[in-house]
N, C-alpha and C. Protein backbone atom coordinates (compact mmCIF):
# COMPACT_ATOMS: atom_id res chain seq x y z
N MET A 1 0.82 -1.18 0.00
CA MET A 1 0.00 0.00 0.00
C MET A 1 0.87 1.25 0.00
N PHE A 2 1.71 1.44 1.05
CA PHE A 2 2.58 2.59 1.12
C PHE A 2 4.01 2.10 1.26
N ALA A 3 4.89 2.62 0.46
CA ALA A 3 6.30 2.24 0.56
C ALA A 3 7.02 3.31 1.37
N LYS A 4 8.02 2.90 2.14
CA LYS A 4 8.77 3.86 2.93
C LYS A 4 9.46 4.86 2.01
N ASN A 5 9.55 6.09 2.50
CA ASN A 5 10.21 7.18 1.78
C ASN A 5 9.58 7.50 0.44
N GLN A 6 8.35 7.07 0.25
CA GLN A 6 7.63 7.42 -0.96
C GLN A 6 6.32 8.08 -0.56
N PRO A 7 5.80 8.95 -1.41
CA PRO A 7 4.54 9.61 -1.07
C PRO A 7 3.40 8.59 -0.95
N ILE A 8 2.36 8.96 -0.19
CA ILE A 8 1.20 8.09 0.02
C ILE A 8 0.55 7.73 -1.31
N ALA A 9 0.54 8.65 -2.23
CA ALA A 9 -0.06 8.42 -3.54
C ALA A 9 0.51 9.47 -4.48
N SER A 10 0.16 9.35 -5.71
CA SER A 10 0.63 10.35 -6.66
C SER A 10 -0.04 11.68 -6.35
N GLN A 11 0.54 12.75 -6.82
CA GLN A 11 -0.01 14.08 -6.59
C GLN A 11 -1.43 14.20 -7.12
N LYS A 12 -1.80 13.38 -8.09
CA LYS A 12 -3.13 13.45 -8.67
C LYS A 12 -4.21 12.96 -7.72
N THR A 13 -3.88 12.01 -6.82
CA THR A 13 -4.91 11.46 -5.94
C THR A 13 -4.95 12.10 -4.56
N ILE A 14 -3.91 12.84 -4.18
CA ILE A 14 -3.94 13.53 -2.88
C ILE A 14 -4.88 14.72 -3.02
N GLU A 15 -5.93 14.68 -2.22
CA GLU A 15 -6.93 15.73 -2.28
C GLU A 15 -6.66 16.83 -1.27
N THR A 16 -6.18 16.44 -0.07
CA THR A 16 -6.01 17.40 1.01
C THR A 16 -4.71 17.15 1.75
N ILE A 17 -3.97 18.22 2.02
CA ILE A 17 -2.77 18.16 2.85
C ILE A 17 -2.93 19.18 3.97
N ILE A 18 -2.83 18.71 5.20
CA ILE A 18 -2.82 19.61 6.35
C ILE A 18 -1.36 19.76 6.74
N GLY A 19 -0.79 20.90 6.41
CA GLY A 19 0.64 21.14 6.57
C GLY A 19 1.08 21.23 8.01
N PRO A 20 2.40 21.23 8.25
CA PRO A 20 2.95 21.23 9.59
C PRO A 20 2.59 22.46 10.43
N SER A 21 2.28 23.56 9.80
CA SER A 21 1.94 24.78 10.55
C SER A 21 0.43 24.98 10.70
N VAL A 22 -0.37 23.98 10.29
CA VAL A 22 -1.83 24.12 10.27
C VAL A 22 -2.47 23.32 11.40
N LYS A 23 -3.49 23.93 12.03
CA LYS A 23 -4.32 23.24 13.02
C LYS A 23 -5.76 23.31 12.55
N VAL A 24 -6.41 22.14 12.47
CA VAL A 24 -7.79 22.05 12.02
C VAL A 24 -8.61 21.48 13.17
N GLU A 25 -9.77 22.13 13.45
CA GLU A 25 -10.67 21.64 14.49
C GLU A 25 -12.06 21.43 13.91
N GLY A 26 -12.73 20.34 14.36
CA GLY A 26 -14.09 20.07 13.93
C GLY A 26 -14.21 18.74 13.23
N LYS A 27 -15.34 18.55 12.55
CA LYS A 27 -15.57 17.31 11.80
C LYS A 27 -14.99 17.48 10.41
N PHE A 28 -14.10 16.56 10.05
CA PHE A 28 -13.42 16.62 8.76
C PHE A 28 -13.85 15.41 7.95
N LYS A 29 -14.43 15.63 6.78
CA LYS A 29 -14.92 14.54 5.95
C LYS A 29 -14.47 14.78 4.52
N GLY A 30 -13.85 13.75 3.90
CA GLY A 30 -13.36 13.90 2.55
C GLY A 30 -13.56 12.64 1.73
N GLU A 31 -13.31 12.77 0.44
CA GLU A 31 -13.45 11.66 -0.49
C GLU A 31 -12.10 11.10 -0.93
N GLY A 32 -11.09 11.96 -1.00
CA GLY A 32 -9.80 11.55 -1.55
C GLY A 32 -8.76 11.27 -0.49
N ASP A 33 -7.51 11.09 -0.94
CA ASP A 33 -6.40 10.84 -0.04
C ASP A 33 -6.15 12.08 0.82
N LEU A 34 -5.75 11.83 2.06
CA LEU A 34 -5.53 12.91 3.02
C LEU A 34 -4.17 12.71 3.68
N VAL A 35 -3.37 13.76 3.72
CA VAL A 35 -2.07 13.74 4.38
C VAL A 35 -2.11 14.77 5.50
N ILE A 36 -1.79 14.31 6.72
CA ILE A 36 -1.76 15.22 7.87
C ILE A 36 -0.32 15.33 8.36
N GLU A 37 0.19 16.53 8.36
CA GLU A 37 1.51 16.83 8.89
C GLU A 37 1.41 17.79 10.07
N GLY A 38 0.22 18.36 10.29
CA GLY A 38 0.00 19.32 11.37
C GLY A 38 -0.84 18.73 12.48
N ILE A 39 -1.83 19.52 12.94
CA ILE A 39 -2.68 19.11 14.07
C ILE A 39 -4.13 19.05 13.61
N LEU A 40 -4.81 17.97 13.99
CA LEU A 40 -6.23 17.84 13.69
C LEU A 40 -6.95 17.41 14.97
N VAL A 41 -8.00 18.14 15.34
CA VAL A 41 -8.79 17.84 16.53
C VAL A 41 -10.25 17.74 16.12
N GLY A 42 -10.91 16.63 16.49
CA GLY A 42 -12.32 16.45 16.16
C GLY A 42 -12.60 15.06 15.66
N ASP A 43 -13.23 14.97 14.50
CA ASP A 43 -13.50 13.69 13.84
C ASP A 43 -12.96 13.74 12.43
N LEU A 44 -12.50 12.58 11.95
CA LEU A 44 -11.90 12.51 10.62
C LEU A 44 -12.45 11.31 9.87
N GLN A 45 -12.92 11.55 8.66
CA GLN A 45 -13.43 10.47 7.82
C GLN A 45 -13.05 10.74 6.37
N THR A 46 -12.44 9.73 5.75
CA THR A 46 -12.14 9.81 4.33
C THR A 46 -12.44 8.48 3.68
N LYS A 47 -12.95 8.52 2.47
CA LYS A 47 -13.27 7.28 1.75
C LYS A 47 -12.04 6.67 1.12
N ASN A 48 -10.92 7.39 1.16
CA ASN A 48 -9.71 6.89 0.55
C ASN A 48 -8.63 6.68 1.61
N ASN A 49 -7.39 7.02 1.32
CA ASN A 49 -6.25 6.72 2.18
C ASN A 49 -5.88 7.89 3.07
N LEU A 50 -5.30 7.56 4.22
CA LEU A 50 -4.87 8.57 5.19
C LEU A 50 -3.40 8.35 5.51
N LYS A 51 -2.64 9.43 5.55
CA LYS A 51 -1.25 9.38 6.01
C LYS A 51 -1.10 10.40 7.13
N VAL A 52 -0.62 9.93 8.29
CA VAL A 52 -0.35 10.81 9.41
C VAL A 52 1.17 10.87 9.56
N GLY A 53 1.73 12.04 9.29
CA GLY A 53 3.18 12.22 9.31
C GLY A 53 3.78 12.11 10.70
N GLN A 54 5.09 11.96 10.74
CA GLN A 54 5.83 11.74 11.98
C GLN A 54 5.63 12.84 13.01
N ASN A 55 5.50 14.08 12.59
CA ASN A 55 5.35 15.20 13.52
C ASN A 55 3.90 15.63 13.70
N ALA A 56 2.97 14.89 13.12
CA ALA A 56 1.56 15.23 13.20
C ALA A 56 0.96 14.78 14.52
N THR A 57 -0.08 15.51 14.96
CA THR A 57 -0.84 15.17 16.15
C THR A 57 -2.32 15.16 15.78
N VAL A 58 -2.98 14.04 16.05
CA VAL A 58 -4.40 13.90 15.73
C VAL A 58 -5.14 13.51 17.00
N ASP A 59 -6.12 14.31 17.37
CA ASP A 59 -6.99 14.00 18.51
C ASP A 59 -8.39 13.85 17.92
N ALA A 60 -8.65 12.66 17.38
CA ALA A 60 -9.90 12.44 16.64
C ALA A 60 -10.18 10.96 16.47
N HIS A 61 -11.44 10.65 16.29
CA HIS A 61 -11.82 9.31 15.85
C HIS A 61 -11.66 9.30 14.33
N ILE A 62 -11.08 8.22 13.81
CA ILE A 62 -10.71 8.16 12.40
C ILE A 62 -11.42 7.02 11.69
N LYS A 63 -11.91 7.30 10.48
CA LYS A 63 -12.42 6.28 9.58
C LYS A 63 -11.77 6.53 8.22
N ALA A 64 -11.18 5.46 7.64
CA ALA A 64 -10.51 5.60 6.35
C ALA A 64 -10.50 4.27 5.63
N ASN A 65 -10.11 4.29 4.37
CA ASN A 65 -9.98 3.06 3.60
C ASN A 65 -8.70 2.32 4.00
N ASN A 66 -7.57 3.02 4.00
CA ASN A 66 -6.27 2.51 4.43
C ASN A 66 -5.59 3.64 5.20
N ALA A 67 -4.64 3.29 6.08
CA ALA A 67 -3.95 4.33 6.85
C ALA A 67 -2.48 3.97 7.04
N PHE A 68 -1.63 4.99 6.99
CA PHE A 68 -0.20 4.89 7.25
C PHE A 68 0.08 5.90 8.35
N ILE A 69 0.47 5.41 9.53
CA ILE A 69 0.57 6.29 10.70
C ILE A 69 1.99 6.32 11.24
N SER A 70 2.54 7.54 11.31
CA SER A 70 3.87 7.75 11.87
C SER A 70 3.84 8.70 13.05
N GLY A 71 2.73 9.42 13.23
CA GLY A 71 2.64 10.44 14.27
C GLY A 71 1.85 9.99 15.48
N LYS A 72 1.28 10.98 16.19
CA LYS A 72 0.55 10.72 17.43
C LYS A 72 -0.95 10.81 17.17
N ILE A 73 -1.67 9.79 17.65
CA ILE A 73 -3.13 9.77 17.51
C ILE A 73 -3.75 9.43 18.85
N LYS A 74 -4.74 10.23 19.23
CA LYS A 74 -5.56 9.93 20.40
C LYS A 74 -6.99 9.80 19.89
N GLY A 75 -7.47 8.56 19.82
CA GLY A 75 -8.81 8.30 19.31
C GLY A 75 -8.84 6.94 18.63
N ASN A 76 -10.03 6.46 18.40
CA ASN A 76 -10.20 5.15 17.77
C ASN A 76 -10.01 5.24 16.26
N ILE A 77 -9.50 4.16 15.68
CA ILE A 77 -9.22 4.11 14.24
C ILE A 77 -9.99 2.93 13.65
N ILE A 78 -10.80 3.21 12.64
CA ILE A 78 -11.51 2.16 11.90
C ILE A 78 -11.10 2.27 10.44
N VAL A 79 -10.53 1.18 9.92
CA VAL A 79 -10.03 1.16 8.55
C VAL A 79 -10.59 -0.07 7.85
N LYS A 80 -11.05 0.10 6.62
CA LYS A 80 -11.59 -1.03 5.85
C LYS A 80 -10.51 -2.01 5.44
N GLY A 81 -9.34 -1.51 5.10
CA GLY A 81 -8.27 -2.34 4.58
C GLY A 81 -7.13 -2.52 5.56
N LYS A 82 -6.02 -1.81 5.32
CA LYS A 82 -4.77 -2.02 6.06
C LYS A 82 -4.36 -0.77 6.83
N VAL A 83 -3.86 -0.99 8.05
CA VAL A 83 -3.24 0.06 8.84
C VAL A 83 -1.77 -0.29 8.98
N GLU A 84 -0.89 0.63 8.59
CA GLU A 84 0.55 0.48 8.78
C GLU A 84 0.97 1.48 9.84
N ILE A 85 1.57 0.97 10.93
CA ILE A 85 2.00 1.81 12.03
C ILE A 85 3.52 1.75 12.11
N THR A 86 4.18 2.89 11.94
CA THR A 86 5.63 2.92 11.95
C THR A 86 6.17 2.97 13.37
N GLY A 87 7.47 2.84 13.51
CA GLY A 87 8.12 2.83 14.81
C GLY A 87 8.05 4.14 15.56
N THR A 88 7.70 5.24 14.90
CA THR A 88 7.61 6.54 15.56
C THR A 88 6.20 6.86 16.03
N ALA A 89 5.23 6.01 15.72
CA ALA A 89 3.83 6.28 16.04
C ALA A 89 3.52 6.05 17.52
N VAL A 90 2.59 6.87 18.01
CA VAL A 90 2.02 6.71 19.35
C VAL A 90 0.51 6.77 19.18
N ILE A 91 -0.17 5.67 19.54
CA ILE A 91 -1.62 5.61 19.36
C ILE A 91 -2.28 5.26 20.69
N LEU A 92 -3.21 6.11 21.11
CA LEU A 92 -4.00 5.87 22.31
C LEU A 92 -5.44 5.70 21.85
N GLY A 93 -5.82 4.46 21.59
CA GLY A 93 -7.17 4.18 21.12
C GLY A 93 -7.24 2.82 20.46
N ASP A 94 -8.45 2.37 20.22
CA ASP A 94 -8.68 1.07 19.60
C ASP A 94 -8.48 1.15 18.09
N ILE A 95 -8.04 0.03 17.51
CA ILE A 95 -7.81 -0.04 16.07
C ILE A 95 -8.59 -1.22 15.51
N LYS A 96 -9.35 -0.98 14.46
CA LYS A 96 -10.08 -2.04 13.77
C LYS A 96 -9.74 -1.97 12.29
N ALA A 97 -9.21 -3.09 11.76
CA ALA A 97 -8.83 -3.16 10.34
C ALA A 97 -8.71 -4.61 9.92
N GLN A 98 -8.73 -4.87 8.64
CA GLN A 98 -8.54 -6.22 8.12
C GLN A 98 -7.09 -6.66 8.32
N ILE A 99 -6.15 -5.72 8.12
CA ILE A 99 -4.73 -6.00 8.27
C ILE A 99 -4.12 -4.90 9.12
N ILE A 100 -3.33 -5.29 10.15
CA ILE A 100 -2.66 -4.32 11.01
C ILE A 100 -1.17 -4.66 11.04
N SER A 101 -0.34 -3.71 10.67
CA SER A 101 1.10 -3.89 10.67
C SER A 101 1.70 -2.88 11.66
N ILE A 102 2.43 -3.40 12.67
CA ILE A 102 3.02 -2.53 13.68
C ILE A 102 4.53 -2.73 13.69
N GLU A 103 5.26 -1.67 13.39
CA GLU A 103 6.72 -1.72 13.36
C GLU A 103 7.27 -1.63 14.79
N SER A 104 8.40 -2.23 15.01
CA SER A 104 9.07 -2.19 16.30
C SER A 104 9.33 -0.74 16.72
N GLY A 105 9.02 -0.43 17.98
CA GLY A 105 9.21 0.92 18.49
C GLY A 105 7.92 1.70 18.61
N ALA A 106 6.89 1.29 17.91
CA ALA A 106 5.59 1.97 18.00
C ALA A 106 4.97 1.73 19.36
N LEU A 107 4.22 2.70 19.84
CA LEU A 107 3.51 2.57 21.10
C LEU A 107 2.01 2.58 20.81
N VAL A 108 1.32 1.51 21.21
CA VAL A 108 -0.12 1.41 20.99
C VAL A 108 -0.77 1.01 22.29
N GLN A 109 -1.72 1.82 22.75
CA GLN A 109 -2.48 1.50 23.94
C GLN A 109 -3.95 1.46 23.54
N GLY A 110 -4.48 0.24 23.42
CA GLY A 110 -5.86 0.06 23.00
C GLY A 110 -6.06 -1.35 22.49
N LYS A 111 -7.25 -1.64 22.05
CA LYS A 111 -7.57 -2.97 21.54
C LYS A 111 -7.34 -3.02 20.04
N LEU A 112 -6.84 -4.16 19.57
CA LEU A 112 -6.70 -4.41 18.15
C LEU A 112 -7.80 -5.37 17.74
N ASN A 113 -8.51 -5.05 16.67
CA ASN A 113 -9.61 -5.88 16.21
C ASN A 113 -9.43 -6.13 14.72
N MET A 114 -9.21 -7.40 14.38
CA MET A 114 -9.07 -7.79 12.98
C MET A 114 -10.19 -8.79 12.68
N PRO A 115 -11.30 -8.33 12.12
CA PRO A 115 -12.43 -9.23 11.88
C PRO A 115 -12.05 -10.40 10.98
N VAL A 116 -12.48 -11.58 11.39
CA VAL A 116 -12.20 -12.79 10.63
C VAL A 116 -13.49 -13.19 9.92
N THR A 117 -13.42 -13.28 8.60
CA THR A 117 -14.62 -13.61 7.83
C THR A 117 -14.53 -14.97 7.16
N ASN A 118 -13.35 -15.62 7.19
CA ASN A 118 -13.15 -16.88 6.46
C ASN A 118 -13.37 -18.12 7.30
N ILE A 119 -13.46 -18.00 8.61
CA ILE A 119 -13.53 -19.17 9.47
C ILE A 119 -14.99 -19.58 9.65
N SER A 120 -15.24 -20.85 9.41
CA SER A 120 -16.58 -21.41 9.55
C SER A 120 -16.92 -21.58 11.02
N THR A 121 -18.21 -21.49 11.36
CA THR A 121 -18.64 -21.71 12.74
C THR A 121 -18.92 -23.18 13.01
N ASP A 122 -18.78 -24.02 11.99
CA ASP A 122 -18.98 -25.46 12.15
C ASP A 122 -17.75 -26.04 12.85
N PRO A 123 -17.91 -26.61 14.08
CA PRO A 123 -16.75 -27.12 14.83
C PRO A 123 -16.00 -28.22 14.11
N ASP A 124 -16.66 -28.99 13.26
CA ASP A 124 -15.99 -30.06 12.53
C ASP A 124 -15.07 -29.55 11.44
N SER A 125 -15.28 -28.29 11.01
CA SER A 125 -14.46 -27.76 9.92
C SER A 125 -13.27 -26.94 10.42
N VAL A 126 -13.11 -26.79 11.73
CA VAL A 126 -12.01 -26.02 12.29
C VAL A 126 -10.74 -26.85 12.27
N THR A 127 -9.65 -26.26 11.76
CA THR A 127 -8.37 -26.96 11.68
C THR A 127 -7.66 -26.89 13.02
N PRO A 128 -6.70 -27.80 13.29
CA PRO A 128 -5.95 -27.76 14.56
C PRO A 128 -5.25 -26.44 14.80
N GLU A 129 -4.77 -25.76 13.73
CA GLU A 129 -4.08 -24.48 13.89
C GLU A 129 -5.02 -23.44 14.48
N GLU A 130 -6.31 -23.51 14.09
CA GLU A 130 -7.27 -22.52 14.57
C GLU A 130 -7.64 -22.75 16.03
N THR A 131 -7.50 -23.95 16.53
CA THR A 131 -7.90 -24.24 17.90
C THR A 131 -6.74 -24.15 18.88
N SER A 132 -5.51 -23.98 18.41
CA SER A 132 -4.35 -24.00 19.30
C SER A 132 -4.25 -22.76 20.16
N ALA A 133 -4.71 -21.63 19.71
CA ALA A 133 -4.60 -20.40 20.49
C ALA A 133 -5.88 -20.19 21.29
N GLU A 134 -5.73 -20.12 22.61
CA GLU A 134 -6.89 -19.88 23.46
C GLU A 134 -6.75 -18.49 24.06
N PRO A 135 -7.87 -17.82 24.30
CA PRO A 135 -7.80 -16.49 24.89
C PRO A 135 -7.21 -16.54 26.30
N ILE A 136 -6.56 -15.46 26.69
CA ILE A 136 -5.98 -15.37 28.02
C ILE A 136 -7.09 -15.10 29.02
N LYS A 137 -7.13 -15.91 30.08
CA LYS A 137 -8.12 -15.71 31.12
C LYS A 137 -7.60 -14.65 32.08
N GLU A 138 -8.51 -13.93 32.70
CA GLU A 138 -8.13 -12.84 33.61
C GLU A 138 -7.15 -13.30 34.68
N GLU A 139 -7.40 -14.45 35.32
CA GLU A 139 -6.54 -14.89 36.40
C GLU A 139 -5.17 -15.35 35.91
N GLU A 140 -5.01 -15.62 34.61
CA GLU A 140 -3.74 -16.05 34.05
C GLU A 140 -2.89 -14.90 33.55
N ASN A 141 -3.43 -13.74 33.47
CA ASN A 141 -2.72 -12.60 32.91
C ASN A 141 -1.71 -12.05 33.92
N GLU A 142 -0.44 -12.38 33.75
CA GLU A 142 0.61 -11.97 34.67
C GLU A 142 0.87 -10.48 34.63
N LEU A 143 0.57 -9.81 33.52
CA LEU A 143 0.83 -8.38 33.41
C LEU A 143 -0.03 -7.59 34.39
N ASP A 144 -1.23 -8.08 34.69
CA ASP A 144 -2.11 -7.37 35.62
C ASP A 144 -1.62 -7.47 37.06
N LYS A 145 -0.80 -8.46 37.37
CA LYS A 145 -0.34 -8.67 38.73
C LYS A 145 0.86 -7.81 39.09
N GLU A 146 1.52 -7.23 38.10
CA GLU A 146 2.72 -6.43 38.37
C GLU A 146 2.39 -5.07 38.89
């Protein structure tokens, strides 16, 4: 989706750029690709791709087709496709996407939700690989005891 050191998309598909010296407040809704390098506070929705730059700060709930995040986000993120989170990202909120990629060094505090649509509910059709991972029970979670 996004390659490192390359623009999110060609100049023809980027519809909006919020530059490093810009602060936007309120509900933001767009159709095309959106690049944020400044500050956005409120709600954000785009039908296309979102790029949050390394020095950007977003305090908003986000909905997008795909997202590439390098900056700071406080709010929930819902993406139809893929979320790529770089090592410089700080996210305080839940993330829901089909594919979630988190680079080493990133800080994420929230729930990750990757909806599974291919697995049958018929117990006879479940493979051994699908049954090997069991959810962590509250009393078994050692992190809560520290």
